[in-house]
PDB file of all heavy atoms in Angstrom:
ATOM      1  N   HIS A   1       0.854  -1.182  -0.002  1.00  0.00           N
ATOM      2  CA  HIS A   1       0.011  -0.060   0.025  1.00  0.00           C
ATOM      3  C   HIS A   1       0.868   1.219  -0.019  1.00  0.00           C
ATOM      4  O   HIS A   1       1.084   1.873   1.070  1.00  0.00           O
ATOM      5  CB  HIS A   1      -0.996  -0.015   1.178  1.00  0.00           C
ATOM      6  CG  HIS A   1      -1.931  -1.126   1.163  1.00  0.00           C
ATOM      7  ND1 HIS A   1      -3.170  -1.002   0.531  1.00  0.00           N
ATOM      8  CD2 HIS A   1      -1.951  -2.387   1.588  1.00  0.00           C
ATOM      9  CE1 HIS A   1      -3.931  -2.167   0.683  1.00  0.00           C
ATOM     10  NE2 HIS A   1      -3.163  -2.964   1.304  1.00  0.00           N
ATOM     11  N   HIS A   2       1.476   1.571  -1.189  1.00  0.00           N
ATOM     12  CA  HIS A   2       2.151   2.731  -1.352  1.00  0.00           C
ATOM     13  C   HIS A   2       2.126   3.119  -2.850  1.00  0.00           C
ATOM     14  O   HIS A   2       1.866   2.304  -3.679  1.00  0.00           O
ATOM     15  CB  HIS A   2       3.650   2.640  -0.782  1.00  0.00           C
ATOM     16  CG  HIS A   2       4.462   1.901  -1.637  1.00  0.00           C
ATOM     17  ND1 HIS A   2       4.690   0.427  -1.541  1.00  0.00           N
ATOM     18  CD2 HIS A   2       5.322   2.165  -2.764  1.00  0.00           C
ATOM     19  CE1 HIS A   2       5.491  -0.026  -2.409  1.00  0.00           C
ATOM     20  NE2 HIS A   2       5.820   0.944  -3.104  1.00  0.00           N
ATOM     21  N   ASP A   3       2.470   4.386  -3.089  1.00  0.00           N
ATOM     22  CA  ASP A   3       2.707   4.839  -4.471  1.00  0.00           C
ATOM     23  C   ASP A   3       3.835   5.674  -4.515  1.00  0.00           C
ATOM     24  O   ASP A   3       4.668   5.806  -3.642  1.00  0.00           O
ATOM     25  CB  ASP A   3       1.358   5.444  -4.997  1.00  0.00           C
ATOM     26  CG  ASP A   3       0.951   6.703  -4.194  1.00  0.00           C
ATOM     27  OD1 ASP A   3       1.809   7.239  -3.551  1.00  0.00           O
ATOM     28  OD2 ASP A   3      -0.249   7.084  -4.292  1.00  0.00           O
ATOM     29  N   GLU A   4       4.012   6.467  -5.678  1.00  0.00           N
ATOM     30  CA  GLU A   4       5.208   7.165  -5.929  1.00  0.00           C
ATOM     31  C   GLU A   4       5.284   8.395  -4.857  1.00  0.00           C
ATOM     32  O   GLU A   4       6.278   8.961  -4.630  1.00  0.00           O
ATOM     33  CB  GLU A   4       5.229   7.756  -7.283  1.00  0.00           C
ATOM     34  CG  GLU A   4       4.200   8.687  -7.715  1.00  0.00           C
ATOM     35  CD  GLU A   4       2.856   8.125  -7.937  1.00  0.00           C
ATOM     36  OE1 GLU A   4       2.769   6.835  -7.943  1.00  0.00           O
ATOM     37  OE2 GLU A   4       1.956   8.906  -8.158  1.00  0.00           O
ATOM     38  N   ARG A   5       4.146   8.722  -4.255  1.00  0.00           N
ATOM     39  CA  ARG A   5       4.147   9.809  -3.342  1.00  0.00           C
ATOM     40  C   ARG A   5       4.298   9.459  -1.855  1.00  0.00           C
ATOM     41  O   ARG A   5       4.699  10.382  -1.074  1.00  0.00           O
ATOM     42  CB  ARG A   5       2.821  10.668  -3.485  1.00  0.00           C
ATOM     43  CG  ARG A   5       2.646  11.276  -4.863  1.00  0.00           C
ATOM     44  CD  ARG A   5       1.234  11.899  -4.985  1.00  0.00           C
ATOM     45  NE  ARG A   5       0.200  10.774  -5.196  1.00  0.00           N
ATOM     46  CZ  ARG A   5      -1.023  10.962  -5.291  1.00  0.00           C
ATOM     47  NH1 ARG A   5      -1.541  12.230  -5.204  1.00  0.00           N
ATOM     48  NH2 ARG A   5      -1.890   9.961  -5.443  1.00  0.00           N
ATOM     49  N   GLY A   6       4.101   8.245  -1.524  1.00  0.00           N
ATOM     50  CA  GLY A   6       4.269   7.825  -0.194  1.00  0.00           C
ATOM     51  C   GLY A   6       3.364   6.642   0.270  1.00  0.00           C
ATOM     52  O   GLY A   6       2.964   5.855  -0.599  1.00  0.00           O
ATOM     53  N   LEU A   7       3.231   6.512   1.553  1.00  0.00           N
ATOM     54  CA  LEU A   7       2.435   5.411   2.100  1.00  0.00           C
ATOM     55  C   LEU A   7       0.931   5.639   1.792  1.00  0.00           C
ATOM     56  O   LEU A   7       0.604   6.796   1.558  1.00  0.00           O
ATOM     57  CB  LEU A   7       2.672   5.293   3.590  1.00  0.00           C
ATOM     58  CG  LEU A   7       4.120   4.876   3.964  1.00  0.00           C
ATOM     59  CD1 LEU A   7       4.375   5.216   5.461  1.00  0.00           C
ATOM     60  CD2 LEU A   7       4.431   3.514   3.711  1.00  0.00           C
ATOM     61  N   LEU A   8       0.169   4.591   1.843  1.00  0.00           N
ATOM     62  CA  LEU A   8      -1.289   4.696   1.655  1.00  0.00           C
ATOM     63  C   LEU A   8      -1.921   3.580   2.530  1.00  0.00           C
ATOM     64  O   LEU A   8      -2.334   2.569   2.028  1.00  0.00           O
ATOM     65  CB  LEU A   8      -1.578   4.628   0.241  1.00  0.00           C
ATOM     66  CG  LEU A   8      -2.996   5.023  -0.154  1.00  0.00           C
ATOM     67  CD1 LEU A   8      -3.406   6.319   0.292  1.00  0.00           C
ATOM     68  CD2 LEU A   8      -3.176   4.972  -1.692  1.00  0.00           C
ATOM     69  N   TRP A   9      -2.169   3.961   3.809  1.00  0.00           N
ATOM     70  CA  TRP A   9      -2.556   2.924   4.700  1.00  0.00           C
ATOM     71  C   TRP A   9      -4.038   2.505   4.548  1.00  0.00           C
ATOM     72  O   TRP A   9      -4.947   3.346   4.200  1.00  0.00           O
ATOM     73  CB  TRP A   9      -2.461   3.479   6.180  1.00  0.00           C
ATOM     74  CG  TRP A   9      -1.062   3.656   6.524  1.00  0.00           C
ATOM     75  CD1 TRP A   9      -0.518   4.917   6.715  1.00  0.00           C
ATOM     76  CD2 TRP A   9      -0.055   2.754   6.810  1.00  0.00           C
ATOM     77  NE1 TRP A   9       0.789   4.759   7.022  1.00  0.00           N
ATOM     78  CE2 TRP A   9       1.182   3.490   7.116  1.00  0.00           C
ATOM     79  CE3 TRP A   9       0.018   1.358   6.840  1.00  0.00           C
ATOM     80  CZ2 TRP A   9       2.316   2.837   7.495  1.00  0.00           C
ATOM     81  CZ3 TRP A   9       1.226   0.682   7.196  1.00  0.00           C
ATOM     82  CH2 TRP A   9       2.405   1.451   7.521  1.00  0.00           C
ATOM     83  N   PRO A  10      -4.359   1.090   4.593  1.00  0.00           N
ATOM     84  CA  PRO A  10      -5.709   0.748   4.729  1.00  0.00           C
ATOM     85  C   PRO A  10      -6.374   1.337   5.932  1.00  0.00           C
ATOM     86  O   PRO A  10      -5.692   1.577   6.970  1.00  0.00           O
ATOM     87  CB  PRO A  10      -5.658  -0.806   4.828  1.00  0.00           C
ATOM     88  CG  PRO A  10      -4.369  -1.176   4.310  1.00  0.00           C
ATOM     89  CD  PRO A  10      -3.476  -0.015   4.610  1.00  0.00           C
ATOM     90  N   ALA A  11      -7.715   1.686   5.760  1.00  0.00           N
ATOM     91  CA  ALA A  11      -8.408   2.504   6.846  1.00  0.00           C
ATOM     92  C   ALA A  11      -8.275   1.878   8.237  1.00  0.00           C
ATOM     93  O   ALA A  11      -8.076   2.558   9.243  1.00  0.00           O
ATOM     94  CB  ALA A  11      -9.889   2.597   6.488  1.00  0.00           C
ATOM     95  N   GLU A  12      -8.336   0.453   8.431  1.00  0.00           N
ATOM     96  CA  GLU A  12      -8.332  -0.132   9.721  1.00  0.00           C
ATOM     97  C   GLU A  12      -6.982  -0.043  10.425  1.00  0.00           C
ATOM     98  O   GLU A  12      -6.926  -0.187  11.698  1.00  0.00           O
ATOM     99  CB  GLU A  12      -8.768  -1.638   9.589  1.00  0.00           C
ATOM    100  CG  GLU A  12     -10.255  -1.809   9.687  1.00  0.00           C
ATOM    101  CD  GLU A  12     -10.639  -3.074  10.321  1.00  0.00           C
ATOM    102  OE1 GLU A  12     -10.626  -3.244  11.606  1.00  0.00           O
ATOM    103  OE2 GLU A  12     -10.949  -4.039   9.516  1.00  0.00           O
ATOM    104  N   VAL A  13      -5.941   0.209   9.773  1.00  0.00           N
ATOM    105  CA  VAL A  13      -4.604   0.321  10.375  1.00  0.00           C
ATOM    106  C   VAL A  13      -3.975   1.638  10.355  1.00  0.00           C
ATOM    107  O   VAL A  13      -2.937   1.821  10.845  1.00  0.00           O
ATOM    108  CB  VAL A  13      -3.678  -0.831   9.740  1.00  0.00           C
ATOM    109  CG1 VAL A  13      -4.200  -2.291  10.013  1.00  0.00           C
ATOM    110  CG2 VAL A  13      -3.326  -0.523   8.318  1.00  0.00           C
ATOM    111  N   ALA A  14      -4.593   2.640   9.660  1.00  0.00           N
ATOM    112  CA  ALA A  14      -4.077   3.818   9.470  1.00  0.00           C
ATOM    113  C   ALA A  14      -3.796   4.577  10.892  1.00  0.00           C
ATOM    114  O   ALA A  14      -4.592   4.220  11.828  1.00  0.00           O
ATOM    115  CB  ALA A  14      -4.926   4.724   8.613  1.00  0.00           C
ATOM    116  N   PRO A  15      -2.827   5.380  11.060  1.00  0.00           N
ATOM    117  CA  PRO A  15      -2.595   5.989  12.366  1.00  0.00           C
ATOM    118  C   PRO A  15      -3.665   6.950  12.794  1.00  0.00           C
ATOM    119  O   PRO A  15      -3.774   7.267  13.916  1.00  0.00           O
ATOM    120  CB  PRO A  15      -1.225   6.756  12.099  1.00  0.00           C
ATOM    121  CG  PRO A  15      -1.100   6.855  10.689  1.00  0.00           C
ATOM    122  CD  PRO A  15      -1.694   5.801  10.075  1.00  0.00           C
ATOM    123  N   ALA A  16      -4.560   7.401  11.831  1.00  0.00           N
ATOM    124  CA  ALA A  16      -5.680   8.267  12.154  1.00  0.00           C
ATOM    125  C   ALA A  16      -6.647   8.024  11.055  1.00  0.00           C
ATOM    126  O   ALA A  16      -6.436   7.498   9.961  1.00  0.00           O
ATOM    127  CB  ALA A  16      -5.295   9.778  12.223  1.00  0.00           C
ATOM    128  N   ASP A  17      -7.967   8.457  11.347  1.00  0.00           N
ATOM    129  CA  ASP A  17      -9.008   8.241  10.339  1.00  0.00           C
ATOM    130  C   ASP A  17      -8.919   9.268   9.387  1.00  0.00           C
ATOM    131  O   ASP A  17      -9.406   9.082   8.201  1.00  0.00           O
ATOM    132  CB  ASP A  17     -10.469   8.232  11.137  1.00  0.00           C
ATOM    133  CG  ASP A  17     -10.578   7.051  12.028  1.00  0.00           C
ATOM    134  OD1 ASP A  17     -10.279   5.899  11.590  1.00  0.00           O
ATOM    135  OD2 ASP A  17     -11.074   7.331  13.155  1.00  0.00           O
ATOM    136  N   VAL A  18      -8.569  10.500   9.824  1.00  0.00           N
ATOM    137  CA  VAL A  18      -8.536  11.641   8.780  1.00  0.00           C
ATOM    138  C   VAL A  18      -7.460  12.549   9.147  1.00  0.00           C
ATOM    139  O   VAL A  18      -7.060  12.662  10.329  1.00  0.00           O
ATOM    140  CB  VAL A  18      -9.877  12.373   8.902  1.00  0.00           C
ATOM    141  CG1 VAL A  18     -10.128  12.986  10.205  1.00  0.00           C
ATOM    142  CG2 VAL A  18     -10.018  13.403   7.767  1.00  0.00           C
ATOM    143  N   HIS A  19      -6.818  13.152   8.136  1.00  0.00           N
ATOM    144  CA  HIS A  19      -5.737  14.034   8.267  1.00  0.00           C
ATOM    145  C   HIS A  19      -6.231  15.459   7.880  1.00  0.00           C
ATOM    146  O   HIS A  19      -6.567  15.651   6.681  1.00  0.00           O
ATOM    147  CB  HIS A  19      -4.589  13.558   7.472  1.00  0.00           C
ATOM    148  CG  HIS A  19      -3.221  14.389   7.672  1.00  0.00           C
ATOM    149  ND1 HIS A  19      -2.106  13.951   7.280  1.00  0.00           N
ATOM    150  CD2 HIS A  19      -3.073  15.541   8.204  1.00  0.00           C
ATOM    151  CE1 HIS A  19      -1.173  14.830   7.503  1.00  0.00           C
ATOM    152  NE2 HIS A  19      -1.672  15.883   8.078  1.00  0.00           N
ATOM    153  N   ILE A  20      -6.145  16.381   8.872  1.00  0.00           N
ATOM    154  CA  ILE A  20      -6.582  17.830   8.598  1.00  0.00           C
ATOM    155  C   ILE A  20      -5.396  18.642   8.319  1.00  0.00           C
ATOM    156  O   ILE A  20      -4.579  18.623   9.209  1.00  0.00           O
ATOM    157  CB  ILE A  20      -7.524  18.404   9.676  1.00  0.00           C
ATOM    158  CG1 ILE A  20      -8.766  17.603   9.902  1.00  0.00           C
ATOM    159  CG2 ILE A  20      -7.837  19.779   9.343  1.00  0.00           C
ATOM    160  CD1 ILE A  20      -9.515  17.968  11.154  1.00  0.00           C
ATOM    161  N   VAL A  21      -5.356  19.272   7.255  1.00  0.00           N
ATOM    162  CA  VAL A  21      -4.240  20.176   6.867  1.00  0.00           C
ATOM    163  C   VAL A  21      -4.669  21.630   6.949  1.00  0.00           C
ATOM    164  O   VAL A  21      -5.593  22.040   6.203  1.00  0.00           O
ATOM    165  CB  VAL A  21      -3.600  19.841   5.495  1.00  0.00           C
ATOM    166  CG1 VAL A  21      -2.474  20.819   5.117  1.00  0.00           C
ATOM    167  CG2 VAL A  21      -3.130  18.396   5.535  1.00  0.00           C
ATOM    168  N   ALA A  22      -4.018  22.408   7.825  1.00  0.00           N
ATOM    169  CA  ALA A  22      -4.259  23.899   7.798  1.00  0.00           C
ATOM    170  C   ALA A  22      -3.321  24.484   6.726  1.00  0.00           C
ATOM    171  O   ALA A  22      -2.022  24.528   7.003  1.00  0.00           O
ATOM    172  CB  ALA A  22      -4.036  24.461   9.179  1.00  0.00           C
ATOM    173  N   ALA A  23      -3.853  24.907   5.571  1.00  0.00           N
ATOM    174  CA  ALA A  23      -2.969  25.219   4.497  1.00  0.00           C
ATOM    175  C   ALA A  23      -2.280  26.581   4.666  1.00  0.00           C
ATOM    176  O   ALA A  23      -1.317  26.870   4.003  1.00  0.00           O
ATOM    177  CB  ALA A  23      -3.846  25.308   3.197  1.00  0.00           C
ATOM    178  N   GLY A  24      -2.799  27.432   5.549  1.00  0.00           N
ATOM    179  CA  GLY A  24      -2.091  28.691   5.729  1.00  0.00           C
ATOM    180  C   GLY A  24      -2.224  29.139   7.174  1.00  0.00           C
ATOM    181  O   GLY A  24      -2.506  28.362   8.104  1.00  0.00           O
ATOM    182  N   LYS A  25      -2.169  30.479   7.384  1.00  0.00           N
ATOM    183  CA  LYS A  25      -2.324  31.027   8.733  1.00  0.00           C
ATOM    184  C   LYS A  25      -3.698  31.697   8.779  1.00  0.00           C
ATOM    185  O   LYS A  25      -4.682  31.029   8.546  1.00  0.00           O
ATOM    186  CB  LYS A  25      -1.150  32.056   9.053  1.00  0.00           C
ATOM    187  CG  LYS A  25       0.229  31.331   8.852  1.00  0.00           C
ATOM    188  CD  LYS A  25       1.319  32.412   9.041  1.00  0.00           C
ATOM    189  CE  LYS A  25       2.578  31.820   8.822  1.00  0.00           C
ATOM    190  NZ  LYS A  25       3.828  32.830   8.874  1.00  0.00           N
ATOM    191  N   ASP A  26      -3.821  32.879   9.189  1.00  0.00           N
ATOM    192  CA  ASP A  26      -5.005  33.742   9.170  1.00  0.00           C
ATOM    193  C   ASP A  26      -6.248  32.899   9.655  1.00  0.00           C
ATOM    194  O   ASP A  26      -7.212  32.856   9.030  1.00  0.00           O
ATOM    195  CB  ASP A  26      -5.317  34.176   7.683  1.00  0.00           C
ATOM    196  CG  ASP A  26      -4.122  35.039   7.105  1.00  0.00           C
ATOM    197  OD1 ASP A  26      -3.499  35.628   7.844  1.00  0.00           O
ATOM    198  OD2 ASP A  26      -3.978  34.941   5.864  1.00  0.00           O
TER     199      ASP A  26
END
C-alpha cells in the first residue's frame, strides 16, 4: 500500500481516520 508519493494505509490500520491540513495562517 504505497505509491510514488508515499504510504497509503488501509483504513483499519491507519494512524488516524482523517488528516486535517491547515493550508495557511489567518
